């Protein structure tokens, strides 16, 4: 079995694959002060709920946008599963040509998402990842990663509104009955939810114009993908497991070389 780790700024998305089948997923919070042994025991517990033993784990791959957490999870995988983890970085093959000005500035999740989107849905393709930040990525018809856009995530933007405006307060982020709010709660919900819909529609339109293909597919992933996709026609596909699938695909592309390195004296 293969364990995949998608480590972001606020949450860790974990996938368990048996072959190409995704058998289980979990989401846990990022806690900078948590020790490796705490993560290790917690992972054992999660696997136990699915009747999976530590020795059933044959491989692991880590995609991480928080560099200080990479050594933590490398240690966890080695100690608790006796496996040498693969870490997504610039030494791995992805099958995607990166046309970003400085590829080293790209977060791992952006390339991982692009790899999965091309394989599953073809190119050209636009990926919108609703995480801590709302990230837009563009892949052209040749399968080249071009770049994208980064906006504050809906959670971050909402918290800024709540904390910086004296007359406003924290509200439940859910769909208001109408766009023209008749009270402060509905007005804030409208501005946040429908405002982000407008942001997504505007950037997707511009991306399609620059890609030169109005039929470019748009794939959404991340925590707010379903809610936002329900409010617009510009999102074609919601795939909450896109990054986990991308991690599996990258592992498969590099596993022979990875195994060969482990055998070297």
Protein backbone atom coordinates (compact mmCIF):
# COMPACT_ATOMS: atom_id res chain seq x y z
CA UNK A 1 0.00 0.00 0.00
CA UNK A 2 1.05 3.59 -0.67
CA UNK A 3 0.63 6.45 1.81
CA UNK A 4 0.38 9.93 0.31
CA UNK A 5 0.76 13.15 2.30
CA UNK A 6 -0.46 16.50 0.99
CA UNK A 7 0.83 18.91 3.65
CA UNK A 8 -0.49 22.45 3.47
CA UNK A 9 -0.36 25.47 5.72
CA UNK A 10 -3.46 24.62 7.75
CA UNK A 11 -4.26 20.96 7.06
CA UNK A 12 -2.73 17.65 6.03
CA UNK A 13 -4.64 15.50 3.53
CA UNK A 14 -3.61 11.85 3.78
CA UNK A 15 -4.44 9.17 1.22
CA UNK A 16 -4.08 5.39 1.34
CA UNK A 17 -3.77 3.69 -2.05
CA UNK A 18 -3.86 0.02 -2.91
CA UNK A 19 -2.67 -0.04 -6.49
CA UNK A 20 -4.59 2.74 -8.24
CA UNK A 21 -7.54 2.53 -5.86
CA UNK A 22 -7.87 5.17 -3.17
CA UNK A 23 -8.93 3.11 -0.17
CA UNK A 24 -9.17 5.84 2.49
CA UNK A 25 -8.54 9.53 3.09
CA UNK A 26 -8.14 11.62 6.21
CA UNK A 27 -7.68 15.32 6.96
CA UNK A 28 -5.86 16.46 10.09
CA UNK A 29 -4.81 19.90 11.27
CA UNK A 30 -1.26 21.22 11.05
CA UNK A 31 0.20 21.75 14.51
CA UNK A 32 3.72 23.15 14.38
CA UNK A 33 4.41 22.20 17.99
CA UNK A 34 3.39 18.55 17.54
CA UNK A 35 6.29 16.12 17.82
CA UNK A 36 7.01 13.41 15.21
CA UNK A 37 6.03 10.65 17.65
CA UNK A 38 2.63 12.28 18.16
CA UNK A 39 2.01 12.31 14.41
CA UNK A 40 3.29 8.73 14.15
CA UNK A 41 0.99 7.32 16.83
CA UNK A 42 -1.93 9.26 15.38
CA UNK A 43 -1.26 7.79 11.93
CA UNK A 44 -1.14 4.29 13.38
CA UNK A 45 -4.55 4.96 14.96
CA UNK A 46 -6.03 6.17 11.69
CA UNK A 47 -4.79 3.10 9.85
CA UNK A 48 -6.07 0.82 12.63
CA UNK A 49 -9.61 2.13 12.00
CA UNK A 50 -9.30 0.69 8.46
CA UNK A 51 -7.71 -2.57 9.68
CA UNK A 52 -4.39 -1.64 8.07
CA UNK A 53 -1.18 -2.67 9.84
CA UNK A 54 2.00 -0.55 9.72
CA UNK A 55 3.78 -3.36 7.86
CA UNK A 56 1.13 -3.14 5.10
CA UNK A 57 2.58 0.22 4.09
CA UNK A 58 5.12 -0.43 1.33
CA UNK A 59 5.79 3.12 0.16
CA UNK A 60 5.09 6.77 0.92
CA UNK A 61 5.28 10.09 -0.89
CA UNK A 62 5.23 13.56 0.65
CA UNK A 63 4.10 16.76 -1.04
CA UNK A 64 4.70 19.67 1.30
CA UNK A 65 4.37 23.46 1.07
CA UNK A 66 5.66 23.96 4.63
CA UNK A 67 9.41 23.19 4.45
CA UNK A 68 9.94 22.81 8.23
CA UNK A 69 7.45 19.91 8.25
CA UNK A 70 9.30 17.86 5.62
CA UNK A 71 11.92 16.46 8.06
CA UNK A 72 9.16 15.76 10.59
CA UNK A 73 7.20 13.55 8.21
CA UNK A 74 10.29 11.92 6.75
CA UNK A 75 11.15 10.87 10.30
CA UNK A 76 7.60 9.67 10.97
CA UNK A 77 7.50 7.52 7.83
CA UNK A 78 10.93 5.99 8.47
CA UNK A 79 10.32 5.26 12.15
CA UNK A 80 6.70 4.11 12.11
CA UNK A 81 6.51 2.36 8.73
CA UNK A 82 10.14 1.41 8.04
CA UNK A 83 9.85 3.04 4.61
CA UNK A 84 12.05 5.61 2.90
CA UNK A 85 9.64 8.34 1.76
CA UNK A 86 9.75 10.03 -1.61
CA UNK A 87 9.53 13.83 -1.35
CA UNK A 88 8.15 15.88 -4.23
CA UNK A 89 10.85 18.28 -5.36
CA UNK A 90 12.83 19.41 -8.35
CA UNK A 91 14.70 16.13 -8.69
CA UNK A 92 11.59 14.11 -9.55
CA UNK A 93 10.10 13.49 -12.98
CA UNK A 94 6.56 14.79 -13.42
CA UNK A 95 6.04 14.61 -17.18
CA UNK A 96 5.15 18.31 -17.16
CA UNK A 97 7.34 21.03 -18.66
CA UNK A 98 7.36 24.02 -16.32
CA UNK A 99 7.42 27.43 -18.01
CA UNK A 100 7.32 29.45 -14.79
CA UNK A 101 10.06 32.10 -14.59
CA UNK A 102 11.59 30.46 -11.52
CA UNK A 103 10.32 26.89 -11.01
CA UNK A 104 11.91 26.78 -7.55
CA UNK A 105 9.32 29.31 -6.39
CA UNK A 106 6.44 26.95 -7.18
CA UNK A 107 4.69 25.20 -4.33
CA UNK A 108 4.72 21.42 -4.67
CA UNK A 109 0.93 21.23 -4.67
CA UNK A 110 0.68 23.32 -7.83
CA UNK A 111 2.68 20.88 -9.92
CA UNK A 112 1.05 17.87 -8.25
CA UNK A 113 -2.41 19.22 -9.14
CA UNK A 114 -1.30 19.91 -12.71
CA UNK A 115 0.03 16.37 -13.15
CA UNK A 116 -3.26 14.87 -11.98
CA UNK A 117 -5.46 17.25 -13.97
CA UNK A 118 -3.62 16.54 -17.23
CA UNK A 119 -3.75 12.78 -16.69
CA UNK A 120 -7.41 12.68 -15.64
CA UNK A 121 -8.99 15.48 -17.68
CA UNK A 122 -6.59 16.33 -20.49
CA UNK A 123 -5.05 19.62 -21.59
CA UNK A 124 -5.54 22.52 -21.76
CA UNK A 125 -6.83 22.70 -18.22
CA UNK A 126 -7.24 25.23 -15.43
CA UNK A 127 -7.01 24.10 -11.80
CA UNK A 128 -8.53 26.13 -8.97
CA UNK A 129 -7.40 25.00 -5.52
CA UNK A 130 -9.43 26.44 -2.65
CA UNK A 131 -7.02 26.10 0.25
CA UNK A 132 -5.38 28.55 2.63
CA UNK A 133 -4.87 30.56 -0.54
CA UNK A 134 -7.08 30.33 -3.61
CA UNK A 135 -4.65 29.23 -6.32
CA UNK A 136 -5.28 29.19 -10.07
CA UNK A 137 -3.00 27.17 -12.36
CA UNK A 138 -2.98 27.03 -16.15
CA UNK A 139 -1.76 24.24 -18.42
CA UNK A 140 -1.72 24.78 -22.19
CA UNK A 141 -2.78 22.37 -24.92
CA UNK A 142 0.75 20.95 -25.12
CA UNK A 143 0.62 19.99 -21.44
CA UNK A 144 3.03 22.72 -20.35
CA UNK A 145 2.56 24.37 -16.98
CA UNK A 146 2.37 28.11 -17.68
CA UNK A 147 1.76 29.69 -14.27
CA UNK A 148 -1.27 31.07 -12.55
CA UNK A 149 -2.65 33.41 -9.93
CA UNK A 150 -2.74 33.42 -6.13
CA UNK A 151 -5.47 35.14 -4.11
CA UNK A 152 -6.19 35.11 -0.37
CA UNK A 153 -8.23 32.08 0.61
CA UNK A 154 -11.84 32.58 1.53
CA UNK A 155 -11.07 31.74 5.17
CA UNK A 156 -8.18 34.21 5.41
CA UNK A 157 -10.17 36.99 3.73
CA UNK A 158 -13.14 36.39 6.02
CA UNK A 159 -11.00 36.46 9.16
CA UNK A 160 -9.43 39.73 8.03
CA UNK A 161 -12.88 41.22 7.58
CA UNK A 162 -14.07 40.03 10.99
CA UNK A 163 -10.98 41.22 12.83
CA UNK A 164 -10.33 44.56 11.12
CA UNK A 165 -13.85 46.00 10.88
CA UNK A 166 -15.11 47.22 14.28
CA UNK A 167 -18.81 47.04 13.41
CA UNK A 168 -18.65 43.58 11.85
CA UNK A 169 -18.52 40.22 13.55
CA UNK A 170 -17.85 36.60 12.72
CA UNK A 171 -20.68 34.90 10.79
CA UNK A 172 -21.32 31.40 9.52
CA UNK A 173 -19.95 31.13 5.98
CA UNK A 174 -22.97 29.76 4.18
CA UNK A 175 -25.10 30.72 1.20
CA UNK A 176 -27.35 33.72 1.87
CA UNK A 177 -30.93 33.66 0.53
CA UNK A 178 -30.26 36.56 -1.88
CA UNK A 179 -27.30 38.59 -3.09
CA UNK A 180 -28.75 41.87 -1.77
CA UNK A 181 -28.50 41.24 1.95
CA UNK A 182 -31.27 42.74 4.10
CA UNK A 183 -29.21 42.43 7.29
CA UNK A 184 -25.54 42.49 8.24
CA UNK A 185 -25.20 38.71 8.42
CA UNK A 186 -26.64 38.12 4.96
CA UNK A 187 -24.74 41.08 3.54
CA UNK A 188 -21.44 39.66 4.78
CA UNK A 189 -22.30 36.17 3.56
CA UNK A 190 -23.17 37.58 0.14
CA UNK A 191 -19.99 39.62 -0.08
CA UNK A 192 -17.80 36.69 0.93
CA UNK A 193 -19.43 33.84 -0.99
CA UNK A 194 -20.70 35.60 -4.10
CA UNK A 195 -17.66 37.89 -4.07
CA UNK A 196 -15.41 34.85 -4.37
CA UNK A 197 -17.61 33.46 -7.13
CA UNK A 198 -17.01 36.69 -9.02
CA UNK A 199 -13.26 36.41 -8.41
CA UNK A 200 -13.22 32.84 -9.75
CA UNK A 201 -15.33 33.67 -12.80
CA UNK A 202 -13.23 36.72 -13.63
CA UNK A 203 -9.88 34.95 -13.42
CA UNK A 204 -11.12 31.86 -15.27
CA UNK A 205 -12.39 34.08 -18.09
CA UNK A 206 -9.03 35.85 -18.35
CA UNK A 207 -7.13 32.54 -18.24
CA UNK A 208 -9.23 31.11 -21.07
CA UNK A 209 -8.63 34.23 -23.16
CA UNK A 210 -4.87 33.94 -22.66
CA UNK A 211 -4.89 30.19 -23.34
CA UNK A 212 -6.84 30.90 -26.53
CA UNK A 213 -9.36 28.11 -25.91
CA UNK A 214 -12.81 28.97 -24.51
CA UNK A 215 -13.52 25.26 -24.04
CA UNK A 216 -10.66 24.76 -21.57
CA UNK A 217 -11.83 22.55 -18.70
CA UNK A 218 -11.80 23.98 -15.19
CA UNK A 219 -11.13 21.60 -12.29
CA UNK A 220 -11.72 22.68 -8.69
CA UNK A 221 -10.28 21.08 -5.59
CA UNK A 222 -9.78 22.00 -1.94
CA UNK A 223 -12.03 22.70 1.02
CA UNK A 224 -14.40 25.24 -0.57
CA UNK A 225 -14.57 23.66 -4.03
CA UNK A 226 -18.07 22.19 -3.75
CA UNK A 227 -19.64 25.30 -2.25
CA UNK A 228 -18.14 27.63 -4.86
CA UNK A 229 -18.79 25.27 -7.78
CA UNK A 230 -22.49 25.15 -6.86
CA UNK A 231 -22.74 28.91 -7.50
CA UNK A 232 -21.12 29.13 -10.93
CA UNK A 233 -21.11 27.46 -14.33
CA UNK A 234 -17.41 28.19 -14.90
CA UNK A 235 -16.24 25.15 -12.91
CA UNK A 236 -16.63 21.91 -14.86
CA UNK A 237 -15.32 19.32 -12.39
CA UNK A 238 -14.90 19.10 -8.62
CA UNK A 239 -12.24 16.60 -7.59
CA UNK A 240 -11.46 16.66 -3.88
CA UNK A 241 -8.81 13.97 -4.27
CA UNK A 242 -6.93 15.63 -7.14
CA UNK A 243 -3.72 16.24 -5.17
CA UNK A 244 -3.65 12.74 -3.70
CA UNK A 245 -4.03 11.28 -7.18
CA UNK A 246 -1.22 13.52 -8.41
CA UNK A 247 1.03 12.26 -5.63
CA UNK A 248 0.31 8.66 -6.62
CA UNK A 249 1.06 9.40 -10.27
CA UNK A 250 4.36 11.10 -9.45
CA UNK A 251 5.33 8.19 -7.20
CA UNK A 252 4.64 5.74 -10.02
CA UNK A 253 6.77 7.79 -12.45
CA UNK A 254 9.74 7.75 -10.09
CA UNK A 255 9.40 4.55 -8.07
CA UNK A 256 11.98 2.49 -9.97
CA UNK A 257 14.66 5.14 -9.53
CA UNK A 258 13.62 5.60 -5.90
CA UNK A 259 13.93 1.87 -5.21
CA UNK A 260 17.29 1.75 -6.97
CA UNK A 261 18.63 4.55 -4.74
CA UNK A 262 17.57 2.63 -1.64
CA UNK A 263 19.55 -0.41 -2.81
CA UNK A 264 22.75 1.56 -3.29
CA UNK A 265 25.36 0.91 -0.55
